[in-house]
Amino acid sequence: MHSTAASRLAGHAVVEALVAQGVDTCFGVPGESYLAVLDGLHEHREHIRFVACRHEGGAAFMAEAQGKLSGRPGVCFVTRGPGASNAAIGLHTAFQDSTPMVLFIGQVAGDQRDREAFQEVDYRQMFGPGTLGMAKWVGEVHDADRIPEYVARAFHTAMQGRPGPVVLVLPEDVLTRETAAPVLPRVEPALAWPAPGALRDLRRLLLQAERPIVIAGGSGWDAEAAAALQRFAENWQLPVACGFRFQDTFDNAHPLYAGDVGIGINPKLAARVRDADLVIALGVRLGEMTTGGYTLLQAPRPAQTLVHVHAGPEELGRVYAADLLLQASMRSAAKALEALTAPPGRDGAWAAAARADYEANQVPTPVEPLDLAAVVQTLQRRLPEDTVWTNGAGNYSGWLHRFLRYPGLQHHGRTQLAPTSGAMGYGLPAAVAAAVLQPQRQAVAFLGDGEFLMTGQELATARAAGVQQLLVVVVDNGSYGTIRMHQEREYPGRISGSELCNPDFAALARAYGWAGETVEKTADFEAALERALAAGKPALLHLKLDVEVSTSRATLAQIRAAAARR
């Protein structure tokens, strides 16, 4: 590496800037628009790995998963036009999930701009902050000497306040120029601490509350913050629920864990949130999924006393007129909250009742011939506690969310990778990324049949990367199950567009060099799992399910009957 300001290609300077930020792996699909960067990745291959993916959507999902796992920006490289368009789904997921990420896009040369040159797009128009949902910032480098500055700013912007994705555009002619600009040091986000006066107000609200509940989630958590949150809950005997698809924020085995607040919520937990007299929202945006369509907490003025703590000032008061707003990073907020002294002898009955509701919700209704609840429970019993679990969008994920007990991230880091944006196709690339980045851990992708074929080609990426501890479980009911459920609920018996014609997924996996088996009965699952884990290579288990099995709580027949009664 260039430790001094030696002259080199600007494309090499991009790679050196990434290494300076601590990046040792990046994902992407190669393109002619950034050949000089690819050459830089070859030059510095001992310090940074480029994982070549089979689709830019898969690559962007992998980078998003990298951001979740590391807490620092995941990195993705794509080419202009079609490549950038394909990567948009990962960018949108990172935005809605508040995940730090930097998407690098090759661009046409400066002397060809504004002619609609080959694959030319104006990325400030396409992804800029004005889109209100794609990127926090879009920058374009026109001076090779400023590359280190732009990369450092991109990383800082991605992590600062509410984390999120940044786009950095690299014109082809800039990348091939020489530059002697030195790289800049690793950047860290500034932490915001809650004001002492606001903490005193929060303590007063806690003392007054009889039915308090914490809803924790979002990004920006680390092991120390998660441990501090646990101590805060223990001090005050507070039930803790986790926001939609952030279930590993709080240890699910802890007696104060009350369940997850999102799609398929335990009805008793939903009633408890509505009945609470104090809701402390820590890190969660309080979006549509976590609030049950803005009904658990009525927008804009909830019936409950609401305290909202968030790192991004733009999120505070955006939807809800809360009683107390605290702008604070989760690492700072959790440490401040655990220092709030609680009076001795706090009554734990409210929290114990919330836990009892959670435990009762863990008891499934048996389903024949293949019971997904038993499948999830078998996976948890057989696999290591630090397993990384991934899923995308679909009703099948309800079994994972309901029956899996995620350890708190203070124990093993993130163990749940799932898109709050509801992006289909996320689960497999996220699991591939986890297996590449943390090969010592088992990764499991729990997927639906529609979800899997959105990004199924990334089976090849996993094989090329040489990963082994990767298991994919495909739940195949021959339909886009969530849409079929909604059709039966709103237009019972009138089915259109939700039926699927699927391949033999086990045979497809074997064609990619994976181990693959089909399972149709609960009794056969554990033996198939054992063979998959002993295969010495990635494995896929194809679970064939009747289309009538719709959710972990109701069949399609039950949903149709309820619709008819309306």
Protein backbone atom coordinates (compact mmCIF):
# COMPACT_ATOMS: atom_id res chain seq x y z
CA MET A 1 0.00 0.00 0.00
CA HIS A 2 1.02 3.62 -0.48
CA SER A 3 1.85 4.85 3.02
CA THR A 4 3.16 8.09 1.53
CA ALA A 5 1.59 10.39 -1.02
CA ALA A 6 2.98 8.47 -4.00
CA SER A 7 1.43 9.04 -7.40
CA ARG A 8 -0.91 6.23 -8.52
CA LEU A 9 -4.11 5.73 -10.45
CA ALA A 10 -7.14 7.35 -8.83
CA GLY A 11 -8.90 3.97 -8.99
CA HIS A 12 -6.16 2.61 -6.74
CA ALA A 13 -6.64 5.57 -4.39
CA VAL A 14 -10.31 4.58 -3.99
CA VAL A 15 -9.27 1.13 -2.79
CA GLU A 16 -6.62 2.54 -0.46
CA ALA A 17 -9.22 4.86 1.06
CA LEU A 18 -11.48 1.86 1.74
CA VAL A 19 -8.68 -0.06 3.42
CA ALA A 20 -7.99 3.00 5.59
CA GLN A 21 -11.64 2.84 6.70
CA GLY A 22 -11.16 -0.75 7.83
CA VAL A 23 -12.90 -2.39 4.87
CA ASP A 24 -11.54 -5.87 4.15
CA THR A 25 -14.40 -7.16 1.95
CA CYS A 26 -16.61 -5.52 -0.65
CA PHE A 27 -19.30 -6.88 -2.94
CA GLY A 28 -20.26 -6.06 -6.50
CA VAL A 29 -20.65 -6.94 -10.15
CA PRO A 30 -17.71 -5.85 -12.34
CA GLY A 31 -18.20 -3.20 -14.99
CA GLU A 32 -16.07 -1.41 -17.57
CA SER A 33 -16.89 1.93 -15.98
CA TYR A 34 -14.66 1.24 -12.98
CA LEU A 35 -11.88 -0.94 -14.39
CA ALA A 36 -9.25 1.19 -12.62
CA VAL A 37 -10.86 0.36 -9.25
CA LEU A 38 -10.90 -3.34 -10.12
CA ASP A 39 -7.20 -3.04 -10.90
CA GLY A 40 -6.70 -1.37 -7.53
CA LEU A 41 -8.51 -4.28 -5.85
CA HIS A 42 -6.08 -6.62 -7.56
CA GLU A 43 -3.13 -4.48 -6.46
CA HIS A 44 -4.27 -4.56 -2.82
CA ARG A 45 -5.79 -8.06 -2.81
CA GLU A 46 -3.85 -8.96 0.35
CA HIS A 47 -5.80 -6.28 2.25
CA ILE A 48 -9.26 -6.29 0.68
CA ARG A 49 -11.41 -8.93 -0.99
CA PHE A 50 -13.81 -8.29 -3.86
CA VAL A 51 -16.71 -10.78 -3.94
CA ALA A 52 -18.06 -10.93 -7.50
CA CYS A 53 -21.83 -11.50 -7.37
CA ARG A 54 -24.27 -12.67 -10.04
CA HIS A 55 -26.68 -9.72 -9.87
CA GLU A 56 -26.33 -6.18 -8.57
CA GLY A 57 -29.44 -6.61 -6.41
CA GLY A 58 -27.77 -9.53 -4.66
CA ALA A 59 -24.53 -7.57 -4.30
CA ALA A 60 -26.33 -4.60 -2.75
CA PHE A 61 -28.19 -6.89 -0.33
CA MET A 62 -24.85 -8.42 0.69
CA ALA A 63 -23.40 -4.98 1.38
CA GLU A 64 -26.50 -4.07 3.41
CA ALA A 65 -26.05 -7.24 5.46
CA GLN A 66 -22.39 -6.32 5.92
CA GLY A 67 -23.48 -2.97 7.38
CA LYS A 68 -25.85 -4.69 9.81
CA LEU A 69 -23.23 -7.19 10.95
CA SER A 70 -20.37 -4.72 11.37
CA GLY A 71 -22.09 -1.47 12.34
CA ARG A 72 -19.90 0.24 9.73
CA PRO A 73 -20.79 0.86 6.09
CA GLY A 74 -21.13 -2.16 3.86
CA VAL A 75 -19.52 -1.55 0.47
CA CYS A 76 -20.89 -2.36 -2.98
CA PHE A 77 -19.51 -1.58 -6.46
CA VAL A 78 -21.71 -1.52 -9.56
CA THR A 79 -21.49 -0.13 -13.04
CA ARG A 80 -23.56 2.72 -14.44
CA GLY A 81 -27.17 2.62 -15.68
CA PRO A 82 -28.47 -0.97 -15.52
CA GLY A 83 -26.06 -1.91 -12.73
CA ALA A 84 -27.08 1.03 -10.58
CA SER A 85 -30.77 0.38 -11.30
CA ASN A 86 -30.45 -3.23 -10.19
CA ALA A 87 -28.68 -2.15 -6.99
CA ALA A 88 -31.49 0.25 -6.08
CA ILE A 89 -33.36 -2.42 -4.08
CA GLY A 90 -30.45 -2.86 -1.68
CA LEU A 91 -30.11 0.90 -1.36
CA HIS A 92 -33.79 1.29 -0.48
CA THR A 93 -33.52 -1.54 2.06
CA ALA A 94 -30.53 0.15 3.70
CA PHE A 95 -32.48 3.42 3.89
CA GLN A 96 -35.60 1.95 5.50
CA ASP A 97 -33.53 -0.28 7.81
CA SER A 98 -31.19 2.60 8.78
CA THR A 99 -28.16 0.54 7.75
CA PRO A 100 -24.82 2.24 6.97
CA MET A 101 -23.78 1.45 3.40
CA VAL A 102 -21.81 3.03 0.56
CA LEU A 103 -22.73 2.23 -3.04
CA PHE A 104 -20.00 3.10 -5.55
CA ILE A 105 -21.22 3.59 -9.11
CA GLY A 106 -19.04 3.86 -12.19
CA GLN A 107 -20.05 6.79 -14.41
CA VAL A 108 -19.51 7.91 -17.98
CA ALA A 109 -16.50 10.12 -18.65
CA GLY A 110 -16.89 13.85 -18.05
CA ASP A 111 -16.53 14.79 -21.72
CA GLN A 112 -19.55 12.58 -22.53
CA ARG A 113 -21.94 13.88 -19.89
CA ASP A 114 -25.39 15.23 -20.75
CA ARG A 115 -25.44 13.52 -24.16
CA GLU A 116 -27.34 10.45 -22.94
CA ALA A 117 -24.13 8.53 -23.43
CA PHE A 118 -24.06 4.75 -23.08
CA GLN A 119 -25.84 3.84 -19.80
CA GLU A 120 -25.70 7.45 -18.56
CA VAL A 121 -27.89 8.41 -15.59
CA ASP A 122 -27.91 11.46 -13.34
CA TYR A 123 -27.60 9.77 -9.94
CA ARG A 124 -28.39 12.88 -7.94
CA GLN A 125 -31.80 12.84 -9.60
CA MET A 126 -32.13 9.06 -9.29
CA PHE A 127 -31.01 8.54 -5.69
CA GLY A 128 -30.61 12.00 -4.19
CA PRO A 129 -32.08 13.11 -0.87
CA GLY A 130 -34.99 14.59 -2.80
CA THR A 131 -36.24 11.03 -3.38
CA LEU A 132 -36.95 10.79 0.38
CA GLY A 133 -36.11 7.14 0.65
CA MET A 134 -33.07 6.08 -1.37
CA ALA A 135 -29.86 7.74 -0.09
CA LYS A 136 -28.74 10.17 2.60
CA TRP A 137 -26.30 11.80 0.21
CA VAL A 138 -25.18 11.40 -3.40
CA GLY A 139 -21.70 12.66 -4.27
CA GLU A 140 -19.86 12.66 -7.57
CA VAL A 141 -16.07 12.99 -7.75
CA HIS A 142 -14.73 15.30 -10.47
CA ASP A 143 -11.21 15.79 -9.12
CA ALA A 144 -8.97 12.75 -8.56
CA ASP A 145 -7.12 14.53 -5.75
CA ARG A 146 -10.36 14.74 -3.73
CA ILE A 147 -11.11 11.01 -3.76
CA PRO A 148 -9.91 10.43 -0.15
CA GLU A 149 -12.02 13.38 1.00
CA TYR A 150 -15.15 12.05 -0.70
CA VAL A 151 -14.70 8.51 0.60
CA ALA A 152 -14.18 9.72 4.18
CA ARG A 153 -17.24 11.96 3.92
CA ALA A 154 -19.30 9.07 2.53
CA PHE A 155 -18.40 6.86 5.48
CA HIS A 156 -19.05 9.62 7.98
CA THR A 157 -22.44 10.48 6.45
CA ALA A 158 -23.48 6.82 6.34
CA MET A 159 -22.84 6.40 10.08
CA GLN A 160 -23.75 9.80 11.50
CA GLY A 161 -27.12 10.40 13.20
CA ARG A 162 -29.65 7.98 11.74
CA PRO A 163 -27.37 5.63 9.75
CA GLY A 164 -28.17 4.96 6.12
CA PRO A 165 -26.88 4.51 2.58
CA VAL A 166 -24.69 6.91 0.61
CA VAL A 167 -23.99 6.87 -3.13
CA LEU A 168 -20.59 7.88 -4.48
CA VAL A 169 -20.34 8.29 -8.25
CA LEU A 170 -16.98 7.72 -9.95
CA PRO A 171 -16.58 9.02 -13.54
CA GLU A 172 -14.46 6.69 -15.64
CA ASP A 173 -12.00 9.36 -16.77
CA VAL A 174 -11.39 10.54 -13.18
CA LEU A 175 -10.49 7.00 -12.11
CA THR A 176 -7.75 6.72 -14.74
CA ARG A 177 -5.98 9.94 -13.73
CA GLU A 178 -2.92 10.03 -11.51
CA THR A 179 -3.14 11.40 -7.98
CA ALA A 180 -0.73 11.82 -5.09
CA ALA A 181 -3.46 12.65 -2.56
CA PRO A 182 -2.86 10.84 0.76
CA VAL A 183 -5.62 8.73 2.24
CA LEU A 184 -7.47 10.08 5.27
CA PRO A 185 -7.68 8.27 8.63
CA ARG A 186 -10.56 6.07 9.70
CA VAL A 187 -13.64 8.07 10.63
CA GLU A 188 -15.94 7.48 13.58
CA PRO A 189 -19.43 8.93 14.08
CA ALA A 190 -19.94 11.62 16.69
CA LEU A 191 -22.15 10.41 19.54
CA ALA A 192 -25.10 12.43 20.79
CA TRP A 193 -25.85 12.18 24.53
CA PRO A 194 -29.27 12.79 26.11
CA ALA A 195 -29.58 16.02 28.05
CA PRO A 196 -29.52 15.65 31.87
CA GLY A 197 -32.79 17.52 32.20
CA ALA A 198 -34.52 15.15 29.79
CA LEU A 199 -33.24 12.17 31.78
CA ARG A 200 -34.73 13.64 34.95
CA ASP A 201 -38.06 14.02 33.11
CA LEU A 202 -37.86 10.41 31.94
CA ARG A 203 -37.22 9.18 35.49
CA ARG A 204 -40.25 11.12 36.69
CA LEU A 205 -42.41 9.43 34.02
CA LEU A 206 -41.06 6.03 35.03
CA LEU A 207 -41.93 6.66 38.67
CA GLN A 208 -45.49 7.62 37.70
CA ALA A 209 -46.07 4.70 35.30
CA GLU A 210 -47.96 1.57 36.32
CA ARG A 211 -47.88 -0.19 32.94
CA PRO A 212 -44.63 0.81 31.18
CA ILE A 213 -43.13 -0.98 28.19
CA VAL A 214 -39.95 -0.53 26.16
CA ILE A 215 -39.88 -1.03 22.38
CA ALA A 216 -36.24 -1.30 21.29
CA GLY A 217 -34.64 -1.74 17.89
CA GLY A 218 -33.22 0.11 14.92
CA SER A 219 -29.54 0.39 14.15
CA GLY A 220 -26.61 1.88 16.06
CA TRP A 221 -26.59 -0.74 18.82
CA ASP A 222 -23.45 -2.55 19.94
CA ALA A 223 -22.74 -5.15 22.63
CA GLU A 224 -22.23 -2.59 25.39
CA ALA A 225 -25.44 -0.75 24.52
CA ALA A 226 -27.46 -3.98 24.47
CA ALA A 227 -26.04 -4.99 27.86
CA ALA A 228 -26.82 -1.54 29.26
CA LEU A 229 -30.40 -1.78 27.97
CA GLN A 230 -30.77 -5.09 29.79
CA ARG A 231 -29.53 -3.55 33.05
CA PHE A 232 -31.92 -0.59 32.64
CA ALA A 233 -34.84 -2.99 32.17
CA GLU A 234 -33.78 -5.05 35.18
CA ASN A 235 -33.40 -2.00 37.41
CA TRP A 236 -36.92 -0.82 36.64
CA GLN A 237 -38.57 -4.21 35.95
CA LEU A 238 -39.61 -3.16 32.47
CA PRO A 239 -40.97 -5.55 29.85
CA VAL A 240 -38.99 -5.13 26.62
CA ALA A 241 -40.39 -5.77 23.17
CA CYS A 242 -38.31 -5.51 20.01
CA GLY A 243 -39.25 -3.60 16.88
CA PHE A 244 -40.06 -5.34 13.62
CA ARG A 245 -37.11 -7.52 12.55
CA PHE A 246 -34.80 -6.23 15.26
CA GLN A 247 -35.50 -9.13 17.63
CA ASP A 248 -31.84 -9.62 18.56
CA THR A 249 -31.66 -6.18 20.22
CA PHE A 250 -32.75 -7.82 23.51
CA ASP A 251 -32.06 -11.38 24.63
CA ASN A 252 -35.20 -13.40 23.88
CA ALA A 253 -34.35 -15.83 26.70
CA HIS A 254 -34.39 -13.06 29.31
CA PRO A 255 -37.42 -13.05 31.66
CA LEU A 256 -38.17 -9.42 30.74
CA TYR A 257 -38.42 -10.11 26.99
CA ALA A 258 -42.04 -9.68 25.87
CA GLY A 259 -41.86 -10.50 22.14
CA ASP A 260 -41.59 -8.68 18.83
CA VAL A 261 -43.78 -5.83 17.68
CA GLY A 262 -44.43 -6.19 13.97
CA ILE A 263 -46.25 -8.30 11.38
CA GLY A 264 -47.95 -11.27 13.02
CA ILE A 265 -47.64 -9.76 16.49
CA ASN A 266 -48.87 -11.82 19.43
CA PRO A 267 -52.41 -10.43 19.96
CA LYS A 268 -51.81 -10.28 23.72
CA LEU A 269 -48.65 -8.21 23.21
CA ALA A 270 -50.57 -5.86 20.90
CA ALA A 271 -53.20 -5.40 23.61
CA ARG A 272 -50.46 -4.79 26.17
CA VAL A 273 -48.87 -2.04 24.07
CA ARG A 274 -52.27 -0.38 23.64
CA ASP A 275 -52.95 -0.68 27.37
CA ALA A 276 -49.54 0.68 28.44
CA ASP A 277 -49.46 4.04 30.18
CA LEU A 278 -45.83 4.67 29.18
CA VAL A 279 -44.08 3.56 25.99
CA ILE A 280 -40.32 4.13 25.72
CA ALA A 281 -39.27 3.75 22.09
CA LEU A 282 -35.50 3.23 21.89
CA GLY A 283 -33.90 3.47 18.47
CA VAL A 284 -36.98 2.42 16.52
CA ARG A 285 -38.48 4.76 13.94
CA LEU A 286 -42.01 3.77 14.96
CA GLY A 287 -42.82 3.02 11.34
CA GLU A 288 -45.88 1.35 9.89
CA MET A 289 -44.83 -2.26 10.63
CA THR A 290 -43.73 -1.67 14.24
CA THR A 291 -46.90 0.28 15.06
CA GLY A 292 -49.36 -2.06 13.34
CA GLY A 293 -50.26 0.48 10.70
CA TYR A 294 -50.04 3.35 13.22
CA THR A 295 -52.76 1.74 15.38
CA LEU A 296 -50.84 0.36 18.38
CA LEU A 297 -49.74 3.94 18.87
CA GLN A 298 -52.30 6.25 17.33
CA ALA A 299 -50.77 8.87 15.05
CA PRO A 300 -50.14 11.69 15.48
CA ARG A 301 -51.03 11.78 19.20
CA PRO A 302 -50.94 8.40 20.97
CA ALA A 303 -53.09 7.63 23.98
CA GLN A 304 -50.04 6.36 25.87
CA THR A 305 -47.40 8.65 27.29
CA LEU A 306 -44.64 8.35 24.68
CA VAL A 307 -40.89 8.82 25.09
CA HIS A 308 -39.01 8.58 21.79
CA VAL A 309 -35.22 8.22 21.79
CA HIS A 310 -33.52 8.28 18.39
CA ALA A 311 -30.14 9.23 16.94
CA GLY A 312 -31.65 11.17 14.03
CA PRO A 313 -33.23 14.50 14.92
CA GLU A 314 -35.32 14.36 11.75
CA GLU A 315 -37.11 11.26 13.10
CA LEU A 316 -38.16 12.86 16.38
CA GLY A 317 -41.64 14.34 16.03
CA ARG A 318 -41.83 13.28 12.38
CA VAL A 319 -44.94 11.12 12.93
CA TYR A 320 -45.72 11.22 16.63
CA ALA A 321 -46.21 14.14 18.98
CA ALA A 322 -44.36 12.47 21.84
CA ASP A 323 -44.37 13.65 25.44
CA LEU A 324 -40.58 13.53 25.60
CA LEU A 325 -38.07 13.53 22.72
CA LEU A 326 -34.42 12.65 23.24
CA GLN A 327 -31.88 12.82 20.45
CA ALA A 328 -29.16 10.36 21.38
CA SER A 329 -27.05 7.63 19.85
CA MET A 330 -28.01 4.20 21.13
CA ARG A 331 -24.58 3.64 22.68
CA SER A 332 -24.98 6.86 24.66
CA ALA A 333 -28.68 6.51 25.43
CA ALA A 334 -28.46 3.01 26.85
CA LYS A 335 -25.55 3.92 29.14
CA ALA A 336 -27.43 6.97 30.37
CA LEU A 337 -30.62 4.98 31.00
CA GLU A 338 -28.91 2.28 33.04
CA ALA A 339 -27.65 5.02 35.37
CA LEU A 340 -31.21 6.14 36.23
CA THR A 341 -31.71 4.95 39.78
CA ALA A 342 -34.86 2.99 40.43
CA PRO A 343 -36.56 2.87 43.84
CA PRO A 344 -36.17 -0.42 45.72
CA GLY A 345 -38.85 -3.08 45.52
CA ARG A 346 -40.18 -2.35 42.06
CA ASP A 347 -43.28 -4.44 41.33
CA GLY A 348 -42.49 -6.94 38.57
CA ALA A 349 -46.01 -8.30 38.06
CA TRP A 350 -46.68 -6.33 34.85
CA ALA A 351 -43.43 -7.52 33.30
CA ALA A 352 -43.98 -11.11 34.46
CA ALA A 353 -47.42 -11.14 32.85
CA ALA A 354 -45.90 -9.88 29.57
CA ARG A 355 -43.37 -12.70 29.69
CA ALA A 356 -46.10 -15.26 30.38
CA ASP A 357 -47.93 -14.04 27.28
CA TYR A 358 -44.73 -14.50 25.24
CA GLU A 359 -44.19 -18.04 26.53
CA ALA A 360 -47.79 -18.99 25.77
CA ASN A 361 -47.33 -17.70 22.23
CA GLN A 362 -44.40 -20.10 21.80
CA VAL A 363 -46.76 -23.10 21.93
CA PRO A 364 -47.72 -23.95 18.33
CA THR A 365 -50.75 -25.68 16.91
CA PRO A 366 -49.38 -28.89 15.33
CA VAL A 367 -49.65 -29.11 11.55
CA GLU A 368 -49.42 -32.26 9.44
CA PRO A 369 -47.61 -33.56 7.53
CA LEU A 370 -44.92 -30.82 7.77
CA ASP A 371 -44.91 -28.51 10.79
CA LEU A 372 -42.82 -25.34 10.30
CA ALA A 373 -42.89 -24.54 14.01
CA ALA A 374 -41.23 -27.89 14.70
CA VAL A 375 -38.75 -27.20 11.90
CA VAL A 376 -37.71 -23.87 13.45
CA GLN A 377 -37.45 -25.38 16.92
CA THR A 378 -35.35 -28.26 15.59
CA LEU A 379 -33.02 -25.85 13.82
CA GLN A 380 -32.56 -23.84 17.01
CA ARG A 381 -31.93 -26.93 19.13
CA ARG A 382 -29.41 -28.38 16.68
CA LEU A 383 -27.45 -25.28 15.62
CA PRO A 384 -24.99 -23.11 17.60
CA GLU A 385 -26.31 -20.18 19.61
CA ASP A 386 -24.31 -17.70 17.50
CA THR A 387 -25.95 -18.81 14.23
CA VAL A 388 -26.84 -15.94 11.90
CA TRP A 389 -30.46 -16.22 10.72
CA THR A 390 -31.66 -14.45 7.59
CA ASN A 391 -34.95 -14.12 5.78
CA GLY A 392 -36.60 -11.89 3.23
CA ALA A 393 -40.27 -11.01 2.77
CA GLY A 394 -43.17 -13.43 2.98
CA ASN A 395 -45.58 -15.18 5.33
CA TYR A 396 -43.09 -18.02 5.87
CA SER A 397 -40.94 -15.61 7.93
CA GLY A 398 -43.68 -15.48 10.56
CA TRP A 399 -42.66 -18.92 11.83
CA LEU A 400 -39.07 -17.77 12.23
CA HIS A 401 -40.05 -14.54 13.98
CA ARG A 402 -42.51 -16.27 16.30
CA PHE A 403 -40.68 -19.44 17.31
CA LEU A 404 -36.96 -18.63 17.13
CA ARG A 405 -35.35 -17.21 20.26
CA TYR A 406 -32.63 -14.79 19.22
CA PRO A 407 -29.81 -14.16 21.70
CA GLY A 408 -29.19 -10.53 22.56
CA LEU A 409 -26.50 -8.96 20.39
CA GLN A 410 -24.30 -8.43 23.46
CA HIS A 411 -23.54 -12.17 23.27
CA HIS A 412 -22.60 -12.79 19.62
CA GLY A 413 -23.32 -9.61 17.69
CA ARG A 414 -26.16 -9.55 15.19
CA THR A 415 -27.92 -12.88 14.75
CA GLN A 416 -30.93 -11.61 12.78
CA LEU A 417 -30.60 -10.17 9.28
CA ALA A 418 -33.98 -9.31 7.78
CA PRO A 419 -35.36 -6.37 5.77
CA THR A 420 -37.81 -4.07 7.53
CA SER A 421 -38.44 -2.70 4.03
CA GLY A 422 -40.09 -6.00 3.09
CA ALA A 423 -37.72 -6.52 0.16
CA MET A 424 -38.05 -9.92 -1.47
CA GLY A 425 -34.78 -11.57 -2.40
CA TYR A 426 -32.85 -10.35 0.66
CA GLY A 427 -32.48 -13.60 2.58
CA LEU A 428 -30.07 -15.60 0.43
CA PRO A 429 -27.59 -12.76 -0.34
CA ALA A 430 -27.60 -11.75 3.34
CA ALA A 431 -26.74 -15.31 4.37
CA VAL A 432 -23.99 -15.49 1.73
CA ALA A 433 -22.54 -12.23 3.09
CA ALA A 434 -22.67 -13.55 6.66
CA ALA A 435 -20.90 -16.76 5.62
CA VAL A 436 -18.23 -14.82 3.73
CA LEU A 437 -17.64 -12.22 6.43
CA GLN A 438 -17.84 -14.50 9.47
CA PRO A 439 -16.97 -18.00 8.23
CA GLN A 440 -16.56 -19.34 11.77
CA ARG A 441 -20.33 -18.95 12.33
CA GLN A 442 -23.18 -20.97 10.90
CA ALA A 443 -25.49 -18.99 8.59
CA VAL A 444 -29.07 -20.07 7.84
CA ALA A 445 -31.34 -18.53 5.22
CA PHE A 446 -35.00 -19.33 5.89
CA LEU A 447 -36.80 -18.53 2.64
CA GLY A 448 -40.06 -18.86 0.77
CA ASP A 449 -40.25 -20.19 -2.77
CA GLY A 450 -41.06 -16.78 -4.25
CA GLU A 451 -38.37 -15.12 -2.15
CA PHE A 452 -35.68 -17.66 -3.12
CA LEU A 453 -36.00 -17.31 -6.88
CA MET A 454 -35.63 -13.53 -6.68
CA THR A 455 -31.89 -13.97 -5.99
CA GLY A 456 -31.33 -17.72 -6.25
CA GLN A 457 -28.41 -17.24 -8.63
CA GLU A 458 -26.29 -16.14 -5.66
CA LEU A 459 -25.90 -19.85 -4.85
CA ALA A 460 -23.09 -19.58 -7.40
CA THR A 461 -21.51 -16.67 -5.51
CA ALA A 462 -21.44 -18.72 -2.31
CA ARG A 463 -19.83 -21.67 -4.08
CA ALA A 464 -17.22 -19.46 -5.74
CA ALA A 465 -16.42 -17.80 -2.41
CA GLY A 466 -15.71 -21.19 -0.85
CA VAL A 467 -18.12 -20.87 2.08
CA GLN A 468 -19.17 -24.04 3.89
CA GLN A 469 -21.27 -23.24 6.97
CA LEU A 470 -24.28 -22.06 4.99
CA LEU A 471 -27.71 -23.69 5.07
CA VAL A 472 -30.71 -22.62 2.99
CA VAL A 473 -34.19 -23.78 3.94
CA VAL A 474 -36.77 -23.15 1.19
CA VAL A 475 -40.44 -23.33 2.18
CA ASP A 476 -42.33 -24.21 -1.01
CA ASN A 477 -46.11 -23.84 -1.03
CA GLY A 478 -46.35 -23.00 -4.73
CA SER A 479 -47.52 -19.44 -4.22
CA TYR A 480 -46.70 -15.88 -3.35
CA GLY A 481 -48.16 -16.70 0.04
CA THR A 482 -48.56 -13.22 1.48
CA ILE A 483 -50.42 -11.98 -1.59
CA ARG A 484 -52.59 -15.11 -1.66
CA MET A 485 -53.49 -14.45 2.00
CA HIS A 486 -54.47 -10.86 1.23
CA GLN A 487 -56.51 -11.99 -1.80
CA GLU A 488 -58.44 -14.50 0.30
CA ARG A 489 -59.02 -11.86 2.96
CA GLU A 490 -60.20 -9.10 0.59
CA TYR A 491 -61.50 -11.05 -2.44
CA PRO A 492 -62.08 -14.61 -1.18
CA GLY A 493 -61.81 -17.31 -3.81
CA ARG A 494 -60.72 -14.89 -6.55
CA ILE A 495 -57.08 -15.82 -7.14
CA SER A 496 -54.97 -13.97 -9.67
CA GLY A 497 -51.21 -13.84 -10.18
CA SER A 498 -50.19 -15.45 -6.89
CA GLU A 499 -49.73 -19.06 -8.06
CA LEU A 500 -46.19 -20.24 -8.79
CA CYS A 501 -44.67 -22.96 -10.97
CA ASN A 502 -41.52 -24.03 -9.14
CA PRO A 503 -38.50 -26.13 -10.06
CA ASP A 504 -37.07 -28.96 -8.00
CA PHE A 505 -35.13 -26.70 -5.62
CA ALA A 506 -32.98 -29.54 -4.26
CA ALA A 507 -31.92 -30.53 -7.78
CA LEU A 508 -31.22 -26.89 -8.59
CA ALA A 509 -28.97 -26.63 -5.54
CA ARG A 510 -27.08 -29.74 -6.58
CA ALA A 511 -26.57 -28.23 -10.05
CA TYR A 512 -24.79 -25.32 -8.33
CA GLY A 513 -22.52 -27.72 -6.45
CA TRP A 514 -24.49 -27.62 -3.21
CA ALA A 515 -25.94 -30.52 -1.26
CA GLY A 516 -29.71 -30.65 -1.68
CA GLU A 517 -32.61 -32.67 -0.27
CA THR A 518 -36.40 -32.53 -0.30
CA VAL A 519 -38.42 -32.93 2.91
CA GLU A 520 -42.20 -33.46 3.01
CA LYS A 521 -42.76 -34.74 6.57
CA THR A 522 -41.81 -33.35 9.97
CA ALA A 523 -40.43 -36.72 11.00
CA ASP A 524 -37.89 -36.63 8.16
CA PHE A 525 -36.56 -33.14 8.79
CA GLU A 526 -33.98 -33.69 11.52
CA ALA A 527 -32.22 -36.52 9.70
CA ALA A 528 -32.08 -34.42 6.52
CA LEU A 529 -30.68 -31.52 8.56
CA GLU A 530 -27.95 -33.75 9.99
CA ARG A 531 -26.94 -34.89 6.51
CA ALA A 532 -26.89 -31.28 5.30
CA LEU A 533 -24.65 -30.17 8.16
CA ALA A 534 -22.28 -33.08 7.53
CA ALA A 535 -22.03 -32.44 3.79
CA GLY A 536 -18.88 -30.33 4.02
CA LYS A 537 -20.34 -27.73 1.65
CA PRO A 538 -23.35 -25.41 1.47
CA ALA A 539 -26.67 -27.26 1.62
CA LEU A 540 -30.29 -26.59 0.72
CA LEU A 541 -33.35 -28.25 2.22
CA HIS A 542 -36.47 -28.03 0.08
CA LEU A 543 -39.58 -28.17 2.30
CA LYS A 544 -42.79 -28.94 0.39
CA LEU A 545 -45.83 -27.47 2.08
CA ASP A 546 -49.53 -27.41 1.27
CA VAL A 547 -50.70 -24.03 -0.02
CA GLU A 548 -53.41 -23.98 2.66
CA VAL A 549 -50.75 -23.46 5.35
CA SER A 550 -50.71 -19.67 5.18
CA THR A 551 -49.51 -18.20 8.49
CA SER A 552 -48.40 -19.48 11.89
CA ARG A 553 -51.90 -18.67 13.16
CA ALA A 554 -54.37 -19.40 10.36
CA THR A 555 -54.92 -21.49 7.23
CA LEU A 556 -56.29 -20.09 3.99
CA ALA A 557 -59.59 -21.86 4.70
CA GLN A 558 -59.85 -20.06 8.03
CA ILE A 559 -59.02 -16.73 6.38
CA ARG A 560 -61.67 -17.32 3.69
CA ALA A 561 -64.25 -18.23 6.32
CA ALA A 562 -63.50 -15.07 8.30
CA ALA A 563 -63.84 -12.99 5.13
CA ALA A 564 -67.20 -14.60 4.37
CA ARG A 565 -68.47 -13.76 7.85
CA ARG A 566 -67.67 -10.08 7.24
